[in-house]
C-alpha atoms as a PDB file:
ATOM      1  CA  UNK A   1      -4.865  -6.830  59.492  1.00  0.00           C
ATOM      2  CA  UNK A   2      -7.623  -5.886  57.330  1.00  0.00           C
ATOM      3  CA  UNK A   3      -5.699  -4.301  54.349  1.00  0.00           C
ATOM      4  CA  UNK A   4      -3.510  -7.216  54.175  1.00  0.00           C
ATOM      5  CA  UNK A   5      -6.386  -9.648  53.818  1.00  0.00           C
ATOM      6  CA  UNK A   6      -7.662  -6.863  50.965  1.00  0.00           C
ATOM      7  CA  UNK A   7      -4.697  -7.035  49.026  1.00  0.00           C
ATOM      8  CA  UNK A   8      -4.721 -10.920  49.563  1.00  0.00           C
ATOM      9  CA  UNK A   9      -8.255 -10.844  48.170  1.00  0.00           C
ATOM     10  CA  UNK A  10      -7.023  -8.105  45.120  1.00  0.00           C
ATOM     11  CA  UNK A  11      -4.212 -10.481  44.250  1.00  0.00           C
ATOM     12  CA  UNK A  12      -6.378 -13.635  43.902  1.00  0.00           C
ATOM     13  CA  UNK A  13      -8.950 -11.575  41.723  1.00  0.00           C
ATOM     14  CA  UNK A  14      -5.938 -10.615  39.479  1.00  0.00           C
ATOM     15  CA  UNK A  15      -4.560 -13.957  39.451  1.00  0.00           C
ATOM     16  CA  UNK A  16      -8.174 -15.293  38.301  1.00  0.00           C
ATOM     17  CA  UNK A  17      -8.860 -12.717  35.809  1.00  0.00           C
ATOM     18  CA  UNK A  18      -5.195 -13.331  34.277  1.00  0.00           C
ATOM     19  CA  UNK A  19      -5.851 -17.277  34.362  1.00  0.00           C
ATOM     20  CA  UNK A  20      -7.443 -17.488  30.370  1.00  0.00           C
ATOM     21  CA  UNK A  21      -4.972 -15.484  29.128  1.00  0.00           C
ATOM     22  CA  UNK A  22      -2.004 -17.260  30.853  1.00  0.00           C
ATOM     23  CA  UNK A  23      -3.756 -20.783  29.755  1.00  0.00           C
ATOM     24  CA  UNK A  24      -4.095 -19.801  26.147  1.00  0.00           C
ATOM     25  CA  UNK A  25      -0.629 -18.444  26.298  1.00  0.00           C
ATOM     26  CA  UNK A  26       0.498 -21.655  27.126  1.00  0.00           C
ATOM     27  CA  UNK A  27      -1.461 -23.823  25.287  1.00  0.00           C
ATOM     28  CA  UNK A  28      -1.490 -21.806  21.895  1.00  0.00           C
ATOM     29  CA  UNK A  29       1.820 -20.218  22.047  1.00  0.00           C
ATOM     30  CA  UNK A  30       4.253 -21.711  24.679  1.00  0.00           C
ATOM     31  CA  UNK A  31       3.877 -25.137  23.558  1.00  0.00           C
ATOM     32  CA  UNK A  32       3.948 -25.298  19.957  1.00  0.00           C
ATOM     33  CA  UNK A  33       7.088 -23.106  20.317  1.00  0.00           C
ATOM     34  CA  UNK A  34       9.081 -25.682  22.486  1.00  0.00           C
ATOM     35  CA  UNK A  35       7.327 -28.302  20.170  1.00  0.00           C
ATOM     36  CA  UNK A  36       8.925 -26.779  17.238  1.00  0.00           C
ATOM     37  CA  UNK A  37      12.223 -26.631  19.360  1.00  0.00           C
ATOM     38  CA  UNK A  38      11.956 -30.249  19.667  1.00  0.00           C
ATOM     39  CA  UNK A  39      11.469 -30.947  16.297  1.00  0.00           C
ATOM     40  CA  UNK A  40      14.070 -28.577  14.908  1.00  0.00           C
ATOM     41  CA  UNK A  41      16.689 -31.271  16.262  1.00  0.00           C
ATOM     42  CA  UNK A  42      15.109 -33.789  14.337  1.00  0.00           C
ATOM     43  CA  UNK A  43      15.101 -35.639  11.044  1.00  0.00           C
ATOM     44  CA  UNK A  44      11.108 -36.509  10.892  1.00  0.00           C
ATOM     45  CA  UNK A  45       8.834 -37.090   8.423  1.00  0.00           C
ATOM     46  CA  UNK A  46       5.301 -36.172   8.675  1.00  0.00           C
ATOM     47  CA  UNK A  47       3.913 -39.529   7.860  1.00  0.00           C
ATOM     48  CA  UNK A  48       6.544 -41.435   9.598  1.00  0.00           C
ATOM     49  CA  UNK A  49       7.127 -39.739  13.129  1.00  0.00           C
ATOM     50  CA  UNK A  50       7.792 -43.087  14.689  1.00  0.00           C
ATOM     51  CA  UNK A  51      11.515 -43.510  12.382  1.00  0.00           C
ATOM     52  CA  UNK A  52      12.718 -39.668  13.910  1.00  0.00           C
ATOM     53  CA  UNK A  53      16.241 -39.162  13.812  1.00  0.00           C
ATOM     54  CA  UNK A  54      18.332 -36.957  16.162  1.00  0.00           C
ATOM     55  CA  UNK A  55      20.374 -34.643  13.841  1.00  0.00           C
ATOM     56  CA  UNK A  56      21.606 -31.872  16.199  1.00  0.00           C
ATOM     57  CA  UNK A  57      22.024 -28.402  14.775  1.00  0.00           C
ATOM     58  CA  UNK A  58      21.965 -30.520  11.181  1.00  0.00           C
ATOM     59  CA  UNK A  59      18.751 -28.411  10.280  1.00  0.00           C
ATOM     60  CA  UNK A  60      20.052 -25.233  11.671  1.00  0.00           C
ATOM     61  CA  UNK A  61      22.995 -25.907   9.093  1.00  0.00           C
ATOM     62  CA  UNK A  62      21.109 -26.842   6.593  1.00  0.00           C
ATOM     63  CA  UNK A  63      19.111 -23.698   6.606  1.00  0.00           C
ATOM     64  CA  UNK A  64      21.935 -21.171   6.708  1.00  0.00           C
ATOM     65  CA  UNK A  65      23.432 -23.189   3.502  1.00  0.00           C
ATOM     66  CA  UNK A  66      19.809 -23.286   1.744  1.00  0.00           C
ATOM     67  CA  UNK A  67      19.723 -20.418  -1.230  1.00  0.00           C
ATOM     68  CA  UNK A  68      16.301 -21.011  -1.593  1.00  0.00           C
ATOM     69  CA  UNK A  69      15.641 -19.924   2.379  1.00  0.00           C
ATOM     70  CA  UNK A  70      17.745 -16.702   1.439  1.00  0.00           C
ATOM     71  CA  UNK A  71      16.200 -16.201  -1.928  1.00  0.00           C
ATOM     72  CA  UNK A  72      13.076 -15.883   0.435  1.00  0.00           C
ATOM     73  CA  UNK A  73      14.566 -13.375   2.542  1.00  0.00           C
ATOM     74  CA  UNK A  74      15.554 -11.311  -0.257  1.00  0.00           C
ATOM     75  CA  UNK A  75      12.011 -11.434  -2.162  1.00  0.00           C
ATOM     76  CA  UNK A  76      10.331 -10.146   1.051  1.00  0.00           C
ATOM     77  CA  UNK A  77      12.811  -7.357   1.478  1.00  0.00           C
ATOM     78  CA  UNK A  78      12.599  -6.201  -2.121  1.00  0.00           C
ATOM     79  CA  UNK A  79       8.915  -6.561  -1.908  1.00  0.00           C
ATOM     80  CA  UNK A  80       9.023  -4.474   1.212  1.00  0.00           C
ATOM     81  CA  UNK A  81      11.160  -1.726  -0.159  1.00  0.00           C
ATOM     82  CA  UNK A  82       8.348  -1.220  -2.914  1.00  0.00           C
ATOM     83  CA  UNK A  83       5.373  -1.550  -0.385  1.00  0.00           C
ATOM     84  CA  UNK A  84       6.934   0.879   2.266  1.00  0.00           C
ATOM     85  CA  UNK A  85       7.903   3.166  -0.459  1.00  0.00           C
ATOM     86  CA  UNK A  86       3.979   3.408  -1.691  1.00  0.00           C
ATOM     87  CA  UNK A  87       2.023   2.748   1.229  1.00  0.00           C
ATOM     88  CA  UNK A  88       3.957   4.648   3.588  1.00  0.00           C
ATOM     89  CA  UNK A  89       3.885   7.774   1.215  1.00  0.00           C
ATOM     90  CA  UNK A  90       0.200   7.631   0.333  1.00  0.00           C
ATOM     91  CA  UNK A  91      -0.587   6.999   3.489  1.00  0.00           C
ATOM     92  CA  UNK A  92       1.532   9.968   5.296  1.00  0.00           C
ATOM     93  CA  UNK A  93       0.469  12.459   2.571  1.00  0.00           C
ATOM     94  CA  UNK A  94      -3.716  11.452   2.941  1.00  0.00           C
ATOM     95  CA  UNK A  95      -3.179  11.832   6.287  1.00  0.00           C
ATOM     96  CA  UNK A  96      -1.939  15.042   6.241  1.00  0.00           C
ATOM     97  CA  UNK A  97      -4.436  16.292   4.107  1.00  0.00           C
ATOM     98  CA  UNK A  98      -7.217  14.710   5.645  1.00  0.00           C
ATOM     99  CA  UNK A  99      -6.404  16.495   8.985  1.00  0.00           C
ATOM    100  CA  UNK A 100      -7.001  19.573   7.210  1.00  0.00           C
ATOM    101  CA  UNK A 101     -10.625  19.006   5.853  1.00  0.00           C
ATOM    102  CA  UNK A 102     -13.073  20.017   8.013  1.00  0.00           C
ATOM    103  CA  UNK A 103     -16.244  18.624   6.026  1.00  0.00           C
ATOM    104  CA  UNK A 104     -16.159  14.851   4.606  1.00  0.00           C
ATOM    105  CA  UNK A 105     -13.062  13.953   6.323  1.00  0.00           C
ATOM    106  CA  UNK A 106     -15.132  11.049   8.092  1.00  0.00           C
ATOM    107  CA  UNK A 107     -16.351  10.011   5.133  1.00  0.00           C
ATOM    108  CA  UNK A 108     -12.966   9.609   2.863  1.00  0.00           C
ATOM    109  CA  UNK A 109     -11.323   8.007   6.095  1.00  0.00           C
ATOM    110  CA  UNK A 110     -14.382   5.209   5.641  1.00  0.00           C
ATOM    111  CA  UNK A 111     -13.742   4.845   1.818  1.00  0.00           C
ATOM    112  CA  UNK A 112      -9.927   4.616   2.317  1.00  0.00           C
ATOM    113  CA  UNK A 113     -10.185   1.944   5.326  1.00  0.00           C
ATOM    114  CA  UNK A 114     -12.426  -0.476   2.946  1.00  0.00           C
ATOM    115  CA  UNK A 115      -9.635  -2.232   1.443  1.00  0.00           C
ATOM    116  CA  UNK A 116      -8.393  -3.414   4.768  1.00  0.00           C
ATOM    117  CA  UNK A 117     -11.808  -5.140   5.711  1.00  0.00           C
ATOM    118  CA  UNK A 118     -12.383  -6.575   2.204  1.00  0.00           C
ATOM    119  CA  UNK A 119     -11.566 -10.425   2.568  1.00  0.00           C
ATOM    120  CA  UNK A 120      -7.727 -10.916   1.262  1.00  0.00           C
ATOM    121  CA  UNK A 121      -9.595 -13.776  -0.753  1.00  0.00           C
ATOM    122  CA  UNK A 122     -11.912 -11.575  -2.321  1.00  0.00           C
ATOM    123  CA  UNK A 123      -8.975  -9.065  -2.995  1.00  0.00           C
ATOM    124  CA  UNK A 124      -6.708 -11.508  -4.604  1.00  0.00           C
ATOM    125  CA  UNK A 125      -9.265 -12.617  -6.730  1.00  0.00           C
ATOM    126  CA  UNK A 126      -9.721  -8.629  -8.108  1.00  0.00           C
ATOM    127  CA  UNK A 127      -6.064  -8.698  -8.331  1.00  0.00           C
ATOM    128  CA  UNK A 128      -6.322 -11.799 -10.536  1.00  0.00           C
ATOM    129  CA  UNK A 129      -8.740 -10.280 -12.859  1.00  0.00           C
ATOM    130  CA  UNK A 130      -6.997  -7.000 -13.088  1.00  0.00           C
ATOM    131  CA  UNK A 131      -3.588  -7.968 -13.730  1.00  0.00           C
ATOM    132  CA  UNK A 132      -4.461 -10.834 -16.090  1.00  0.00           C
ATOM    133  CA  UNK A 133      -2.807 -10.270 -19.721  1.00  0.00           C
ATOM    134  CA  UNK A 134      -6.561  -9.692 -20.840  1.00  0.00           C
ATOM    135  CA  UNK A 135      -7.623  -7.691 -18.183  1.00  0.00           C
ATOM    136  CA  UNK A 136      -8.180  -4.133 -18.097  1.00  0.00           C
ATOM    137  CA  UNK A 137      -4.828  -3.022 -16.720  1.00  0.00           C
ATOM    138  CA  UNK A 138      -2.953  -4.350 -19.298  1.00  0.00           C
ATOM    139  CA  UNK A 139      -5.483  -3.613 -22.270  1.00  0.00           C
ATOM    140  CA  UNK A 140      -5.088   0.115 -21.065  1.00  0.00           C
ATOM    141  CA  UNK A 141      -1.382  -0.224 -21.083  1.00  0.00           C
ATOM    142  CA  UNK A 142      -1.097  -2.050 -24.751  1.00  0.00           C
ATOM    143  CA  UNK A 143      -3.629   0.753 -25.800  1.00  0.00           C
ATOM    144  CA  UNK A 144      -1.678   3.809 -24.681  1.00  0.00           C
ATOM    145  CA  UNK A 145       1.997   1.823 -26.295  1.00  0.00           C
ATOM    146  CA  UNK A 146       3.278   1.352 -22.830  1.00  0.00           C
ATOM    147  CA  UNK A 147       3.361  -2.660 -23.936  1.00  0.00           C
ATOM    148  CA  UNK A 148       3.616  -4.815 -26.950  1.00  0.00           C
ATOM    149  CA  UNK A 149       1.785  -7.701 -25.568  1.00  0.00           C
ATOM    150  CA  UNK A 150       0.181  -9.204 -22.541  1.00  0.00           C
ATOM    151  CA  UNK A 151       2.516 -10.452 -19.743  1.00  0.00           C
ATOM    152  CA  UNK A 152       1.838 -13.159 -17.276  1.00  0.00           C
ATOM    153  CA  UNK A 153       3.027 -11.647 -13.948  1.00  0.00           C
ATOM    154  CA  UNK A 154       2.857 -15.043 -12.203  1.00  0.00           C
ATOM    155  CA  UNK A 155       5.645 -16.280 -14.532  1.00  0.00           C
ATOM    156  CA  UNK A 156       8.172 -13.509 -14.545  1.00  0.00           C
ATOM    157  CA  UNK A 157      11.386 -13.126 -13.031  1.00  0.00           C
ATOM    158  CA  UNK A 158      10.764  -9.686 -11.854  1.00  0.00           C
ATOM    159  CA  UNK A 159       7.443  -8.986 -11.796  1.00  0.00           C
ATOM    160  CA  UNK A 160       5.804 -10.867  -8.801  1.00  0.00           C
ATOM    161  CA  UNK A 161       7.097  -9.241  -6.035  1.00  0.00           C
ATOM    162  CA  UNK A 162       6.417  -5.414  -7.284  1.00  0.00           C
ATOM    163  CA  UNK A 163       2.813  -6.085  -8.605  1.00  0.00           C
ATOM    164  CA  UNK A 164       2.325  -7.939  -4.840  1.00  0.00           C
ATOM    165  CA  UNK A 165       3.530  -4.778  -3.361  1.00  0.00           C
ATOM    166  CA  UNK A 166       1.479  -2.788  -4.994  1.00  0.00           C
ATOM    167  CA  UNK A 167      -1.575  -4.779  -4.267  1.00  0.00           C
ATOM    168  CA  UNK A 168      -0.645  -4.858  -0.647  1.00  0.00           C
ATOM    169  CA  UNK A 169       0.027  -0.846  -0.407  1.00  0.00           C
ATOM    170  CA  UNK A 170      -3.810  -0.520  -1.531  1.00  0.00           C
ATOM    171  CA  UNK A 171      -4.826  -3.220   1.098  1.00  0.00           C
ATOM    172  CA  UNK A 172      -3.228  -2.294   3.836  1.00  0.00           C
ATOM    173  CA  UNK A 173      -2.205   1.786   3.838  1.00  0.00           C
ATOM    174  CA  UNK A 174      -5.618   2.425   5.439  1.00  0.00           C
ATOM    175  CA  UNK A 175      -4.691   1.092   8.795  1.00  0.00           C
ATOM    176  CA  UNK A 176      -1.118   3.229   7.991  1.00  0.00           C
ATOM    177  CA  UNK A 177      -3.277   6.299   7.651  1.00  0.00           C
ATOM    178  CA  UNK A 178      -5.262   5.904  10.852  1.00  0.00           C
ATOM    179  CA  UNK A 179      -1.949   5.550  13.123  1.00  0.00           C
ATOM    180  CA  UNK A 180      -0.807   8.761  11.449  1.00  0.00           C
ATOM    181  CA  UNK A 181      -3.936  10.851  11.891  1.00  0.00           C
ATOM    182  CA  UNK A 182      -4.290   9.508  15.703  1.00  0.00           C
ATOM    183  CA  UNK A 183      -0.709  10.583  16.079  1.00  0.00           C
ATOM    184  CA  UNK A 184      -1.354  13.980  14.462  1.00  0.00           C
ATOM    185  CA  UNK A 185      -4.839  14.717  16.301  1.00  0.00           C
ATOM    186  CA  UNK A 186      -2.630  14.266  19.946  1.00  0.00           C
ATOM    187  CA  UNK A 187      -0.405  16.616  18.639  1.00  0.00           C
ATOM    188  CA  UNK A 188      -1.106  20.000  20.777  1.00  0.00           C
ATOM    189  CA  UNK A 189      -2.576  22.659  18.487  1.00  0.00           C
ATOM    190  CA  UNK A 190      -0.809  25.343  20.244  1.00  0.00           C
ATOM    191  CA  UNK A 191       2.734  24.596  18.966  1.00  0.00           C
ATOM    192  CA  UNK A 192       1.467  24.721  15.407  1.00  0.00           C
ATOM    193  CA  UNK A 193      -0.350  28.195  16.593  1.00  0.00           C
ATOM    194  CA  UNK A 194       3.119  29.212  18.064  1.00  0.00           C
ATOM    195  CA  UNK A 195       4.989  28.213  15.056  1.00  0.00           C
ATOM    196  CA  UNK A 196       2.745  30.231  12.482  1.00  0.00           C
ATOM    197  CA  UNK A 197       3.098  33.438  14.885  1.00  0.00           C
ATOM    198  CA  UNK A 198       6.728  33.233  14.513  1.00  0.00           C
ATOM    199  CA  UNK A 199       6.286  33.089  10.511  1.00  0.00           C
ATOM    200  CA  UNK A 200       6.993  29.512   9.974  1.00  0.00           C
ATOM    201  CA  UNK A 201       5.059  27.979   6.798  1.00  0.00           C
ATOM    202  CA  UNK A 202       2.583  25.143   6.243  1.00  0.00           C
ATOM    203  CA  UNK A 203       6.054  22.922   5.175  1.00  0.00           C
ATOM    204  CA  UNK A 204       8.142  24.240   7.643  1.00  0.00           C
ATOM    205  CA  UNK A 205       5.617  23.203  10.432  1.00  0.00           C
ATOM    206  CA  UNK A 206       4.852  19.564   8.871  1.00  0.00           C
ATOM    207  CA  UNK A 207       8.782  19.123   8.983  1.00  0.00           C
ATOM    208  CA  UNK A 208       9.456  20.554  12.529  1.00  0.00           C
ATOM    209  CA  UNK A 209       6.442  19.764  14.344  1.00  0.00           C
ATOM    210  CA  UNK A 210       4.425  17.118  12.688  1.00  0.00           C
ATOM    211  CA  UNK A 211       7.206  14.468  11.477  1.00  0.00           C
ATOM    212  CA  UNK A 212       9.428  15.080  14.491  1.00  0.00           C
ATOM    213  CA  UNK A 213       6.257  14.028  16.859  1.00  0.00           C
ATOM    214  CA  UNK A 214       5.247  11.342  14.508  1.00  0.00           C
ATOM    215  CA  UNK A 215       8.558   9.164  15.364  1.00  0.00           C
ATOM    216  CA  UNK A 216       6.870   6.599  17.718  1.00  0.00           C
ATOM    217  CA  UNK A 217       3.932   6.209  15.104  1.00  0.00           C
ATOM    218  CA  UNK A 218       6.485   5.605  12.137  1.00  0.00           C
ATOM    219  CA  UNK A 219       8.724   3.464  13.690  1.00  0.00           C
ATOM    220  CA  UNK A 220       5.589   1.419  14.717  1.00  0.00           C
ATOM    221  CA  UNK A 221       4.049   1.367  10.974  1.00  0.00           C
ATOM    222  CA  UNK A 222       7.712   0.705   9.836  1.00  0.00           C
ATOM    223  CA  UNK A 223       8.359  -2.471  12.056  1.00  0.00           C
ATOM    224  CA  UNK A 224       5.163  -3.596  11.742  1.00  0.00           C
ATOM    225  CA  UNK A 225       5.241  -3.489   7.975  1.00  0.00           C
ATOM    226  CA  UNK A 226       8.402  -5.647   8.007  1.00  0.00           C
ATOM    227  CA  UNK A 227       7.119  -8.219  10.334  1.00  0.00           C
ATOM    228  CA  UNK A 228       3.748  -8.742   8.061  1.00  0.00           C
ATOM    229  CA  UNK A 229       6.437  -8.693   5.098  1.00  0.00           C
ATOM    230  CA  UNK A 230       8.435 -11.615   6.600  1.00  0.00           C
ATOM    231  CA  UNK A 231       4.924 -13.361   7.105  1.00  0.00           C
ATOM    232  CA  UNK A 232       3.322 -12.792   3.684  1.00  0.00           C
ATOM    233  CA  UNK A 233       1.775 -16.057   2.883  1.00  0.00           C
ATOM    234  CA  UNK A 234      -1.671 -16.147   1.729  1.00  0.00           C
ATOM    235  CA  UNK A 235      -0.912 -14.019  -1.354  1.00  0.00           C
ATOM    236  CA  UNK A 236       1.548 -15.836  -2.753  1.00  0.00           C
ATOM    237  CA  UNK A 237      -0.184 -19.196  -1.919  1.00  0.00           C
ATOM    238  CA  UNK A 238      -3.335 -18.167  -4.197  1.00  0.00           C
ATOM    239  CA  UNK A 239      -0.870 -17.248  -7.182  1.00  0.00           C
ATOM    240  CA  UNK A 240       2.163 -19.229  -7.228  1.00  0.00           C
ATOM    241  CA  UNK A 241       3.277 -22.993  -6.422  1.00  0.00           C
ATOM    242  CA  UNK A 242       5.106 -23.683  -3.162  1.00  0.00           C
ATOM    243  CA  UNK A 243       8.352 -22.740  -4.644  1.00  0.00           C
ATOM    244  CA  UNK A 244       7.230 -19.274  -5.617  1.00  0.00           C
ATOM    245  CA  UNK A 245       7.081 -19.667  -9.209  1.00  0.00           C
ATOM    246  CA  UNK A 246       9.325 -20.929 -12.183  1.00  0.00           C
ATOM    247  CA  UNK A 247      12.394 -18.430 -11.172  1.00  0.00           C
ATOM    248  CA  UNK A 248      11.502 -18.609  -6.922  1.00  0.00           C
ATOM    249  CA  UNK A 249      10.597 -14.876  -7.623  1.00  0.00           C
ATOM    250  CA  UNK A 250       7.693 -15.055  -5.076  1.00  0.00           C
ATOM    251  CA  UNK A 251       8.700 -17.188  -2.864  1.00  0.00           C
ATOM    252  CA  UNK A 252       8.376 -16.356   1.154  1.00  0.00           C
ATOM    253  CA  UNK A 253      10.047 -17.404   3.990  1.00  0.00           C
ATOM    254  CA  UNK A 254       6.559 -19.273   5.404  1.00  0.00           C
ATOM    255  CA  UNK A 255       5.715 -20.206   1.797  1.00  0.00           C
ATOM    256  CA  UNK A 256       9.005 -22.194   1.877  1.00  0.00           C
ATOM    257  CA  UNK A 257       8.408 -23.427   4.979  1.00  0.00           C
ATOM    258  CA  UNK A 258       5.058 -24.805   4.637  1.00  0.00           C
ATOM    259  CA  UNK A 259       6.321 -26.395   1.253  1.00  0.00           C
ATOM    260  CA  UNK A 260       9.028 -27.779   3.266  1.00  0.00           C
ATOM    261  CA  UNK A 261       6.631 -29.242   5.766  1.00  0.00           C
ATOM    262  CA  UNK A 262       3.410 -30.108   3.858  1.00  0.00           C
ATOM    263  CA  UNK A 263       4.994 -30.783   0.535  1.00  0.00           C
ATOM    264  CA  UNK A 264       8.604 -32.652   0.988  1.00  0.00           C
ATOM    265  CA  UNK A 265       6.839 -33.955   4.361  1.00  0.00           C
ATOM    266  CA  UNK A 266      10.176 -32.887   6.192  1.00  0.00           C
ATOM    267  CA  UNK A 267       8.592 -31.667   9.627  1.00  0.00           C
ATOM    268  CA  UNK A 268      11.809 -31.069  11.460  1.00  0.00           C
ATOM    269  CA  UNK A 269      13.393 -28.990   8.655  1.00  0.00           C
ATOM    270  CA  UNK A 270      10.080 -26.809   8.537  1.00  0.00           C
ATOM    271  CA  UNK A 271      10.411 -26.260  12.527  1.00  0.00           C
ATOM    272  CA  UNK A 272      13.443 -25.040  12.062  1.00  0.00           C
ATOM    273  CA  UNK A 273      12.734 -22.484   9.263  1.00  0.00           C
ATOM    274  CA  UNK A 274       9.979 -21.149  11.740  1.00  0.00           C
ATOM    275  CA  UNK A 275      12.342 -20.770  14.642  1.00  0.00           C
ATOM    276  CA  UNK A 276      14.642 -19.153  12.470  1.00  0.00           C
ATOM    277  CA  UNK A 277      11.911 -16.696  10.976  1.00  0.00           C
ATOM    278  CA  UNK A 278      10.539 -16.139  14.717  1.00  0.00           C
ATOM    279  CA  UNK A 279      14.545 -15.219  15.543  1.00  0.00           C
ATOM    280  CA  UNK A 280      14.079 -12.436  12.764  1.00  0.00           C
ATOM    281  CA  UNK A 281      10.686 -11.085  13.902  1.00  0.00           C
ATOM    282  CA  UNK A 282      11.768 -10.981  17.197  1.00  0.00           C
ATOM    283  CA  UNK A 283      14.810  -9.253  16.257  1.00  0.00           C
ATOM    284  CA  UNK A 284      12.873  -6.270  14.238  1.00  0.00           C
ATOM    285  CA  UNK A 285      10.458  -6.255  17.289  1.00  0.00           C
ATOM    286  CA  UNK A 286      13.311  -5.767  19.764  1.00  0.00           C
ATOM    287  CA  UNK A 287      14.788  -2.991  17.679  1.00  0.00           C
ATOM    288  CA  UNK A 288      11.511  -1.627  17.464  1.00  0.00           C
ATOM    289  CA  UNK A 289      11.268  -1.113  21.342  1.00  0.00           C
ATOM    290  CA  UNK A 290      14.684   0.207  21.580  1.00  0.00           C
ATOM    291  CA  UNK A 291      13.870   3.002  19.121  1.00  0.00           C
ATOM    292  CA  UNK A 292      10.572   4.002  20.672  1.00  0.00           C
ATOM    293  CA  UNK A 293      12.047   3.858  24.090  1.00  0.00           C
ATOM    294  CA  UNK A 294      15.092   5.985  23.369  1.00  0.00           C
ATOM    295  CA  UNK A 295      12.388   8.292  21.315  1.00  0.00           C
ATOM    296  CA  UNK A 296      10.134   8.401  24.991  1.00  0.00           C
ATOM    297  CA  UNK A 297      13.501   9.287  26.814  1.00  0.00           C
ATOM    298  CA  UNK A 298      14.663  11.948  24.697  1.00  0.00           C
ATOM    299  CA  UNK A 299      11.231  13.827  25.100  1.00  0.00           C
END
């Protein structure tokens, strides 16, 4: 009897402590999601909601046929290829080096993490100054003879995404560095000692021990990078119009749905684009879970 009452009390406290999270989830996630689902079936102007008209799956059909939507998907994919190739490689190599440093490691970790805590607005202002045709980067390239004249990268057909990818690599590689370092420190050092006794060199230990045991961290970083790339907004919003410049070369899904909602005032279509983006992100998250679960089961 006493144990049953105790379990009942524990259950009550469990629900009580979970209530704030549940309420927050219902108010800020579930309700907006359901409202977006409702709006996606409507032709509704944000200034004239009383004239809303039911269009069924018309918005979804329009989104699938919308070349600008697919252009935005291509742009973030192009951006992420460059971003992952630079930030991922730099973060991993620095993590390997920092793990070997016995003096000053904390200092370097702090320095490398500073861009992460720098305001994105301040960082974008710095980028605008550095990448300006009269800025130090292009001036130096012209002095070296690698550039004939200054280039307005925001008006270029192919430069916006590479420039933003390099900027994001500098801004966010510190988080990846910390994740990789945490995974490396969790590896049993006896594995390295045993491999060294068997004659394995530094490279063989890295390839045969470090990389396989870091697969969960690697998959997590890759998935988070893809999800964040799909949600990229501030970087393009501060430098381009709502359609990603004259060639739409900086258009991203979030910028596009923002433009549809607050420039064209087409709330229904913007909600549709948001839901389609959420579906893509959910698929990526599911794939991450499956890969991590498979990795964990194989141990």
